[in-house]
């Protein structure tokens, strides 16, 4: 019952965020296409969730590497499933960040791709997520798959967070002081209301719901593999 109410609440937030984006916020002044500024209400949550996915995956990967030494301790399997789910969601949200950012780039700067440091960074981040998925699917047996993919996730979080938070602040970028505008109060009050009150919590709830669903699917697949795996001598 509680899970159902949580899903309804998240769905309500996302529906309200959609309404706010399309009907509540007014065109942003100072943009080449003022109506196009509304896309940041999708772009910014996706970008932040890409960073969150890295942190959640790295933490669970660390737990896997600590717990997997004792193969009889099955808690590492849940941490491994959480790491896998978070990295896959990070790939999804980084793709959405790239797509929405390209649309904004076309509206504001006249081209879908400008080789801006932020644009280049998100593509590298997307490739880091994709490399995890490829690596994990290349290893069949457990716990070797959990060990190697978790080691990669721990290592990848360092360049990933550097590209997200550090690089755009030390090089010139077309975005200007984008973080200052979002965090420092440079946004219009209507945009802040929709972004912080509806879009961000709605997208965060969507991330949690999708992650839990992916973990349940991983548990089902694991039980099916264990049940139908060929036995010795058969």
Foldseek 3Di string as FASTA:
>chain_A
DVVVVLVVVLVVLVVVLVCLLPPNDDFDPPALGSNLVSLCLLLVLLLVLLLVLLVLLLVLLVVLQVPVVPVVPCPNVLSLLLNLLSLVSSLVSLVVNLQSCLVSCCRGVNGSDDPWLLNVLSVVSNVLSVVLVVQLVVDDDPPVSSNVSSVSSNVVSVSNVCSSPPVPVPDDGPCHVVVCCQVVVVDDPSSVCSNVVRSNVSVVSVSVVSSVVSSVVVVVVVVVCVVPPDDPPD
